[in-house]
């Protein structure tokens, strides 16, 4: 870390992404909470093209 408390970029061997050093006064560990549940998809409001739209794949895939 630099003398004024800034983050530094650290290269990680074999990785495409670099890593940043933690800022002083912060918690470097990510929060480990449960993911919120996604609401169920209502099947009542289904339109005539919904099934086809869910099966279509964009051309760049």
N, C-alpha and C. Protein backbone atom coordinates (compact mmCIF):
# COMPACT_ATOMS: atom_id res chain seq x y z
N UNK A 1 0.84 -1.16 0.00
CA UNK A 1 0.00 0.00 0.00
C UNK A 1 0.89 1.23 0.00
N UNK A 2 0.41 2.30 -0.58
CA UNK A 2 1.20 3.52 -0.63
C UNK A 2 1.14 4.22 0.71
N UNK A 3 1.99 5.20 0.89
CA UNK A 3 2.07 5.89 2.17
C UNK A 3 0.84 6.74 2.48
N UNK A 4 0.03 7.09 1.47
CA UNK A 4 -1.16 7.90 1.72
C UNK A 4 -2.43 7.06 1.82
N UNK A 5 -2.31 5.75 1.87
CA UNK A 5 -3.46 4.87 2.10
C UNK A 5 -4.27 4.54 0.88
N UNK A 6 -3.74 4.70 -0.32
CA UNK A 6 -4.47 4.37 -1.53
C UNK A 6 -4.32 2.89 -1.86
N UNK A 7 -5.19 2.42 -2.73
CA UNK A 7 -5.10 1.04 -3.18
C UNK A 7 -4.00 0.90 -4.22
N UNK A 8 -3.44 -0.29 -4.28
CA UNK A 8 -2.46 -0.61 -5.32
C UNK A 8 -3.02 -1.74 -6.16
N UNK A 9 -2.57 -1.81 -7.39
CA UNK A 9 -2.95 -2.89 -8.30
C UNK A 9 -1.90 -3.98 -8.19
N UNK A 10 -2.34 -5.20 -7.93
CA UNK A 10 -1.42 -6.34 -7.78
C UNK A 10 -1.75 -7.32 -8.90
N UNK A 11 -0.77 -7.65 -9.70
CA UNK A 11 -0.97 -8.63 -10.77
C UNK A 11 -0.99 -10.04 -10.19
N UNK A 12 -1.91 -10.86 -10.70
CA UNK A 12 -2.04 -12.24 -10.25
C UNK A 12 -1.59 -13.13 -11.40
N UNK A 13 -0.59 -13.94 -11.14
CA UNK A 13 -0.04 -14.82 -12.18
C UNK A 13 -1.10 -15.80 -12.66
N UNK A 14 -1.24 -15.93 -13.97
CA UNK A 14 -2.18 -16.88 -14.55
C UNK A 14 -3.62 -16.39 -14.57
N UNK A 15 -3.85 -15.14 -14.23
CA UNK A 15 -5.21 -14.61 -14.21
C UNK A 15 -5.29 -13.42 -15.15
N UNK A 16 -6.46 -13.23 -15.75
CA UNK A 16 -6.64 -12.08 -16.63
C UNK A 16 -6.94 -10.82 -15.84
N UNK A 17 -7.37 -10.97 -14.60
CA UNK A 17 -7.74 -9.82 -13.79
C UNK A 17 -6.70 -9.56 -12.71
N UNK A 18 -6.52 -8.29 -12.42
CA UNK A 18 -5.62 -7.90 -11.35
C UNK A 18 -6.42 -7.85 -10.04
N UNK A 19 -5.70 -7.71 -8.94
CA UNK A 19 -6.33 -7.65 -7.63
C UNK A 19 -5.97 -6.31 -7.01
N UNK A 20 -6.88 -5.69 -6.30
CA UNK A 20 -6.61 -4.44 -5.60
C UNK A 20 -6.34 -4.72 -4.14
N UNK A 21 -5.40 -3.97 -3.56
CA UNK A 21 -5.14 -4.11 -2.13
C UNK A 21 -6.29 -3.45 -1.38
N UNK A 22 -6.60 -3.91 -0.18
CA UNK A 22 -7.73 -3.32 0.56
C UNK A 22 -7.40 -1.90 1.03
N UNK A 23 -8.42 -1.09 1.14
CA UNK A 23 -8.26 0.27 1.65
C UNK A 23 -8.23 0.21 3.16
N UNK A 24 -7.36 0.99 3.81
CA UNK A 24 -7.32 0.99 5.27
C UNK A 24 -8.68 1.35 5.87
N UNK A 25 -9.08 0.61 6.89
CA UNK A 25 -10.34 0.88 7.56
C UNK A 25 -11.53 0.15 6.95
N UNK A 26 -11.29 -0.74 5.96
CA UNK A 26 -12.38 -1.51 5.37
C UNK A 26 -12.16 -2.98 5.64
N UNK A 27 -13.21 -3.76 5.49
CA UNK A 27 -13.14 -5.20 5.68
C UNK A 27 -12.87 -5.84 4.32
N UNK A 28 -11.72 -6.50 4.13
CA UNK A 28 -11.40 -7.07 2.83
C UNK A 28 -12.20 -8.31 2.47
N UNK A 29 -12.87 -8.91 3.43
CA UNK A 29 -13.66 -10.12 3.16
C UNK A 29 -15.03 -9.74 2.63
N UNK A 30 -15.50 -10.40 1.58
CA UNK A 30 -16.84 -10.09 1.07
C UNK A 30 -17.91 -10.56 2.05
N UNK A 31 -19.05 -9.93 1.97
CA UNK A 31 -20.15 -10.34 2.83
C UNK A 31 -20.68 -11.68 2.37
N UNK A 32 -20.93 -12.55 3.31
CA UNK A 32 -21.43 -13.87 2.97
C UNK A 32 -22.84 -14.01 3.53
N UNK A 33 -23.78 -13.45 2.82
CA UNK A 33 -25.18 -13.55 3.21
C UNK A 33 -25.91 -14.45 2.26
N UNK A 34 -27.09 -14.81 2.64
CA UNK A 34 -27.89 -15.65 1.75
C UNK A 34 -28.44 -14.80 0.62
N UNK A 35 -28.56 -15.40 -0.54
CA UNK A 35 -29.13 -14.69 -1.67
C UNK A 35 -30.64 -14.58 -1.47
N UNK A 36 -31.20 -13.43 -1.79
CA UNK A 36 -32.66 -13.31 -1.65
C UNK A 36 -33.37 -14.21 -2.65
N UNK A 37 -34.48 -14.75 -2.23
CA UNK A 37 -35.23 -15.64 -3.11
C UNK A 37 -35.90 -14.83 -4.21
N UNK A 38 -35.88 -15.38 -5.40
CA UNK A 38 -36.54 -14.72 -6.52
C UNK A 38 -38.02 -15.06 -6.46
N UNK A 39 -38.86 -14.09 -6.76
CA UNK A 39 -40.30 -14.40 -6.74
C UNK A 39 -40.66 -15.37 -7.85
N UNK A 40 -41.63 -16.20 -7.58
CA UNK A 40 -42.07 -17.18 -8.57
C UNK A 40 -42.70 -16.46 -9.76
N UNK A 41 -42.47 -17.00 -10.93
CA UNK A 41 -43.04 -16.41 -12.14
C UNK A 41 -44.50 -16.82 -12.22
N UNK A 42 -45.33 -15.83 -12.39
CA UNK A 42 -46.77 -16.12 -12.48
C UNK A 42 -47.08 -16.70 -13.85
N UNK A 43 -47.68 -17.87 -13.86
CA UNK A 43 -48.00 -18.51 -15.14
C UNK A 43 -49.35 -18.05 -15.68
N UNK A 44 -50.08 -17.30 -14.86
CA UNK A 44 -51.41 -16.86 -15.27
C UNK A 44 -51.33 -15.81 -16.37
N UNK A 45 -50.33 -14.94 -16.35
CA UNK A 45 -50.24 -13.85 -17.31
C UNK A 45 -49.45 -14.22 -18.55
N UNK A 46 -49.50 -15.47 -18.94
CA UNK A 46 -48.74 -15.95 -20.09
C UNK A 46 -49.37 -15.47 -21.39
N UNK A 47 -48.51 -14.95 -22.26
CA UNK A 47 -48.99 -14.51 -23.56
C UNK A 47 -48.76 -15.58 -24.61
N UNK A 48 -49.23 -15.35 -25.85
CA UNK A 48 -49.12 -16.37 -26.89
C UNK A 48 -47.68 -16.64 -27.33
N UNK A 49 -46.76 -15.69 -27.14
CA UNK A 49 -45.38 -15.88 -27.61
C UNK A 49 -44.37 -16.13 -26.50
N UNK A 50 -44.83 -16.25 -25.26
CA UNK A 50 -43.90 -16.40 -24.14
C UNK A 50 -43.01 -17.63 -24.27
N UNK A 51 -43.57 -18.77 -24.62
CA UNK A 51 -42.77 -20.00 -24.73
C UNK A 51 -41.71 -19.86 -25.81
N UNK A 52 -42.08 -19.27 -26.94
CA UNK A 52 -41.12 -19.11 -28.03
C UNK A 52 -40.00 -18.15 -27.63
N UNK A 53 -40.34 -17.05 -26.95
CA UNK A 53 -39.33 -16.09 -26.53
C UNK A 53 -38.35 -16.69 -25.54
N UNK A 54 -38.81 -17.57 -24.68
CA UNK A 54 -37.91 -18.19 -23.70
C UNK A 54 -36.98 -19.21 -24.35
N UNK A 55 -37.38 -19.77 -25.50
CA UNK A 55 -36.55 -20.76 -26.18
C UNK A 55 -35.60 -20.14 -27.19
N UNK A 56 -35.90 -18.92 -27.66
CA UNK A 56 -35.04 -18.26 -28.64
C UNK A 56 -33.68 -17.92 -28.05
N UNK A 57 -32.66 -18.05 -28.87
CA UNK A 57 -31.30 -17.72 -28.47
C UNK A 57 -30.81 -16.60 -29.38
N UNK A 58 -30.25 -15.53 -28.82
CA UNK A 58 -29.76 -14.46 -29.68
C UNK A 58 -28.68 -14.98 -30.63
N UNK A 59 -28.53 -14.36 -31.81
CA UNK A 59 -27.61 -14.88 -32.83
C UNK A 59 -26.14 -14.85 -32.39
N UNK A 60 -25.78 -14.02 -31.42
CA UNK A 60 -24.36 -13.96 -31.02
C UNK A 60 -23.97 -15.05 -30.04
N UNK A 61 -24.88 -15.93 -29.65
CA UNK A 61 -24.52 -17.02 -28.73
C UNK A 61 -24.01 -18.18 -29.49
